[in-house]
Amino acid sequence: MRKLALLVAFFALVLGATAAFAHHGWSAYDADQTLTIEAPVKTLSYRNPHAHITIDYQGREWHVVLAPISRMAARGLPDADLMPGKRITLVGYPRKDGTAEIRAERVMVDGRTVELR
């Protein structure tokens, strides 16, 4: 019975560490290259662990990773501010591998700036 408990604890630890690493791994983004993009929101997914939007930029559809929704709401950025068609400005970091994806650091909407990190 003790061996089974140790085995279950080991797998829980490994799976938990893997999920945490996957969730918080920002090393795929180039923090030395800041992009500032003004574009209308194409789609919105306002859910945890991070909200996401898509925008069109440089002839491609870009995926934008935002902050957790609790942080965005606490800082005054509800989902209504990011509805499709709303024009926003994003400042963030692109992926190093050339994938059309940005990790957003701030969002400017309706004359105000919201810091996401």
C-alpha atoms as a PDB file:
ATOM      1  CA  MET A   1       0.000   0.000   0.000  1.00  0.00           C
ATOM      2  CA  ARG A   2       2.856   2.368   0.806  1.00  0.00           C
ATOM      3  CA  LYS A   3       4.456   1.701  -2.594  1.00  0.00           C
ATOM      4  CA  LEU A   4       1.185   2.526  -4.339  1.00  0.00           C
ATOM      5  CA  ALA A   5       0.887   5.790  -2.412  1.00  0.00           C
ATOM      6  CA  LEU A   6       4.476   6.721  -3.317  1.00  0.00           C
ATOM      7  CA  LEU A   7       3.860   5.867  -6.966  1.00  0.00           C
ATOM      8  CA  VAL A   8       0.702   7.997  -7.088  1.00  0.00           C
ATOM      9  CA  ALA A   9       2.510  10.899  -5.373  1.00  0.00           C
ATOM     10  CA  PHE A  10       5.401  10.638  -7.831  1.00  0.00           C
ATOM     11  CA  PHE A  11       3.145  10.769 -10.878  1.00  0.00           C
ATOM     12  CA  ALA A  12       1.145  13.650  -9.412  1.00  0.00           C
ATOM     13  CA  LEU A  13       4.375  15.581  -8.874  1.00  0.00           C
ATOM     14  CA  VAL A  14       5.650  14.879 -12.390  1.00  0.00           C
ATOM     15  CA  LEU A  15       2.353  15.782 -14.042  1.00  0.00           C
ATOM     16  CA  GLY A  16       1.977  18.923 -11.934  1.00  0.00           C
ATOM     17  CA  ALA A  17       5.500  20.095 -12.738  1.00  0.00           C
ATOM     18  CA  THR A  18       4.957  19.427 -16.450  1.00  0.00           C
ATOM     19  CA  ALA A  19       1.719  21.429 -16.481  1.00  0.00           C
ATOM     20  CA  ALA A  20       3.324  24.320 -14.585  1.00  0.00           C
ATOM     21  CA  PHE A  21       6.285  24.401 -16.976  1.00  0.00           C
ATOM     22  CA  ALA A  22       4.034  24.348 -20.030  1.00  0.00           C
ATOM     23  CA  HIS A  23       1.831  27.097 -18.632  1.00  0.00           C
ATOM     24  CA  HIS A  24       4.596  29.469 -17.538  1.00  0.00           C
ATOM     25  CA  GLY A  25       7.196  28.867 -20.227  1.00  0.00           C
ATOM     26  CA  TRP A  26       7.716  32.339 -21.733  1.00  0.00           C
ATOM     27  CA  SER A  27      11.135  31.519 -23.205  1.00  0.00           C
ATOM     28  CA  ALA A  28       9.566  30.919 -26.640  1.00  0.00           C
ATOM     29  CA  TYR A  29       8.985  34.694 -26.957  1.00  0.00           C
ATOM     30  CA  ASP A  30      11.646  37.205 -28.015  1.00  0.00           C
ATOM     31  CA  ALA A  31      11.747  39.780 -25.196  1.00  0.00           C
ATOM     32  CA  ASP A  32      14.393  41.721 -27.169  1.00  0.00           C
ATOM     33  CA  GLN A  33      11.935  42.457 -29.978  1.00  0.00           C
ATOM     34  CA  THR A  34       8.924  44.520 -28.950  1.00  0.00           C
ATOM     35  CA  LEU A  35       6.015  44.781 -31.374  1.00  0.00           C
ATOM     36  CA  THR A  36       3.435  47.551 -31.237  1.00  0.00           C
ATOM     37  CA  ILE A  37       0.379  46.701 -33.299  1.00  0.00           C
ATOM     38  CA  GLU A  38      -2.848  48.595 -33.835  1.00  0.00           C
ATOM     39  CA  ALA A  39      -5.614  46.381 -35.196  1.00  0.00           C
ATOM     40  CA  PRO A  40      -9.227  45.401 -34.662  1.00  0.00           C
ATOM     41  CA  VAL A  41      -9.931  42.300 -32.596  1.00  0.00           C
ATOM     42  CA  LYS A  42     -10.908  39.419 -34.859  1.00  0.00           C
ATOM     43  CA  THR A  43     -11.862  36.794 -32.245  1.00  0.00           C
ATOM     44  CA  LEU A  44     -11.910  36.661 -28.435  1.00  0.00           C
ATOM     45  CA  SER A  45     -11.535  33.761 -26.004  1.00  0.00           C
ATOM     46  CA  TYR A  46     -11.960  35.201 -22.498  1.00  0.00           C
ATOM     47  CA  ARG A  47     -11.206  32.192 -20.299  1.00  0.00           C
ATOM     48  CA  ASN A  48      -8.497  30.767 -18.079  1.00  0.00           C
ATOM     49  CA  PRO A  49      -5.650  30.096 -17.911  1.00  0.00           C
ATOM     50  CA  HIS A  50      -5.154  33.079 -20.268  1.00  0.00           C
ATOM     51  CA  ALA A  51      -7.479  35.098 -22.424  1.00  0.00           C
ATOM     52  CA  HIS A  52      -6.646  35.062 -26.142  1.00  0.00           C
ATOM     53  CA  ILE A  53      -7.542  37.165 -29.127  1.00  0.00           C
ATOM     54  CA  THR A  54      -6.716  36.955 -32.804  1.00  0.00           C
ATOM     55  CA  ILE A  55      -5.848  39.893 -35.027  1.00  0.00           C
ATOM     56  CA  ASP A  56      -4.769  40.335 -38.629  1.00  0.00           C
ATOM     57  CA  TYR A  57      -1.234  41.727 -38.952  1.00  0.00           C
ATOM     58  CA  GLN A  58       1.177  41.754 -41.903  1.00  0.00           C
ATOM     59  CA  GLY A  59      -1.175  39.632 -43.986  1.00  0.00           C
ATOM     60  CA  ARG A  60      -1.436  36.836 -41.398  1.00  0.00           C
ATOM     61  CA  GLU A  61      -3.788  35.948 -38.574  1.00  0.00           C
ATOM     62  CA  TRP A  62      -1.922  36.379 -35.286  1.00  0.00           C
ATOM     63  CA  HIS A  63      -2.743  34.676 -31.998  1.00  0.00           C
ATOM     64  CA  VAL A  64      -2.332  37.021 -29.000  1.00  0.00           C
ATOM     65  CA  VAL A  65      -1.807  35.579 -25.504  1.00  0.00           C
ATOM     66  CA  LEU A  66      -3.185  37.914 -22.855  1.00  0.00           C
ATOM     67  CA  ALA A  67      -3.192  37.645 -19.039  1.00  0.00           C
ATOM     68  CA  PRO A  68      -5.422  35.475 -16.849  1.00  0.00           C
ATOM     69  CA  ILE A  69      -8.952  36.863 -16.836  1.00  0.00           C
ATOM     70  CA  SER A  70      -8.886  37.580 -13.085  1.00  0.00           C
ATOM     71  CA  ARG A  71      -5.880  39.875 -13.571  1.00  0.00           C
ATOM     72  CA  MET A  72      -7.414  41.553 -16.606  1.00  0.00           C
ATOM     73  CA  ALA A  73     -10.683  42.199 -14.777  1.00  0.00           C
ATOM     74  CA  ALA A  74      -8.830  43.516 -11.701  1.00  0.00           C
ATOM     75  CA  ARG A  75      -6.880  45.924 -13.898  1.00  0.00           C
ATOM     76  CA  GLY A  76      -9.979  47.156 -15.688  1.00  0.00           C
ATOM     77  CA  LEU A  77      -9.972  45.160 -18.914  1.00  0.00           C
ATOM     78  CA  PRO A  78     -13.255  43.210 -19.084  1.00  0.00           C
ATOM     79  CA  ASP A  79     -14.214  41.087 -22.065  1.00  0.00           C
ATOM     80  CA  ALA A  80     -16.514  43.858 -23.361  1.00  0.00           C
ATOM     81  CA  ASP A  81     -13.388  45.923 -24.147  1.00  0.00           C
ATOM     82  CA  LEU A  82     -12.047  43.204 -26.447  1.00  0.00           C
ATOM     83  CA  MET A  83     -15.096  42.263 -28.482  1.00  0.00           C
ATOM     84  CA  PRO A  84     -14.546  41.450 -32.157  1.00  0.00           C
ATOM     85  CA  GLY A  85     -14.334  44.604 -34.247  1.00  0.00           C
ATOM     86  CA  LYS A  86     -12.948  46.742 -31.384  1.00  0.00           C
ATOM     87  CA  ARG A  87      -9.772  48.580 -32.455  1.00  0.00           C
ATOM     88  CA  ILE A  88      -6.952  48.183 -29.916  1.00  0.00           C
ATOM     89  CA  THR A  89      -3.207  48.697 -29.693  1.00  0.00           C
ATOM     90  CA  LEU A  90      -1.034  45.878 -28.366  1.00  0.00           C
ATOM     91  CA  VAL A  91       2.543  45.944 -27.147  1.00  0.00           C
ATOM     92  CA  GLY A  92       4.182  42.561 -26.786  1.00  0.00           C
ATOM     93  CA  TYR A  93       6.773  40.029 -27.804  1.00  0.00           C
ATOM     94  CA  PRO A  94       6.622  37.755 -30.864  1.00  0.00           C
ATOM     95  CA  ARG A  95       7.522  34.079 -30.802  1.00  0.00           C
ATOM     96  CA  LYS A  96      11.146  33.334 -31.627  1.00  0.00           C
ATOM     97  CA  ASP A  97      10.254  30.572 -34.083  1.00  0.00           C
ATOM     98  CA  GLY A  98       8.305  32.844 -36.445  1.00  0.00           C
ATOM     99  CA  THR A  99       4.887  31.520 -35.457  1.00  0.00           C
ATOM    100  CA  ALA A 100       2.283  34.285 -35.759  1.00  0.00           C
ATOM    101  CA  GLU A 101       1.828  34.640 -32.001  1.00  0.00           C
ATOM    102  CA  ILE A 102       2.435  37.466 -29.525  1.00  0.00           C
ATOM    103  CA  ARG A 103       2.696  37.539 -25.745  1.00  0.00           C
ATOM    104  CA  ALA A 104       0.968  40.830 -24.931  1.00  0.00           C
ATOM    105  CA  GLU A 105       2.451  43.015 -22.207  1.00  0.00           C
ATOM    106  CA  ARG A 106      -0.043  45.888 -22.466  1.00  0.00           C
ATOM    107  CA  VAL A 107      -3.264  46.752 -24.214  1.00  0.00           C
ATOM    108  CA  MET A 108      -4.411  50.254 -25.131  1.00  0.00           C
ATOM    109  CA  VAL A 109      -8.145  50.574 -25.617  1.00  0.00           C
ATOM    110  CA  ASP A 110     -10.573  53.496 -25.414  1.00  0.00           C
ATOM    111  CA  GLY A 111      -7.789  55.946 -24.497  1.00  0.00           C
ATOM    112  CA  ARG A 112      -6.388  53.971 -21.562  1.00  0.00           C
ATOM    113  CA  THR A 113      -3.443  51.610 -21.114  1.00  0.00           C
ATOM    114  CA  VAL A 114      -3.756  48.332 -19.212  1.00  0.00           C
ATOM    115  CA  GLU A 115      -0.562  46.597 -18.072  1.00  0.00           C
ATOM    116  CA  LEU A 116      -0.954  42.820 -18.220  1.00  0.00           C
ATOM    117  CA  ARG A 117       2.204  41.608 -16.455  1.00  0.00           C
END
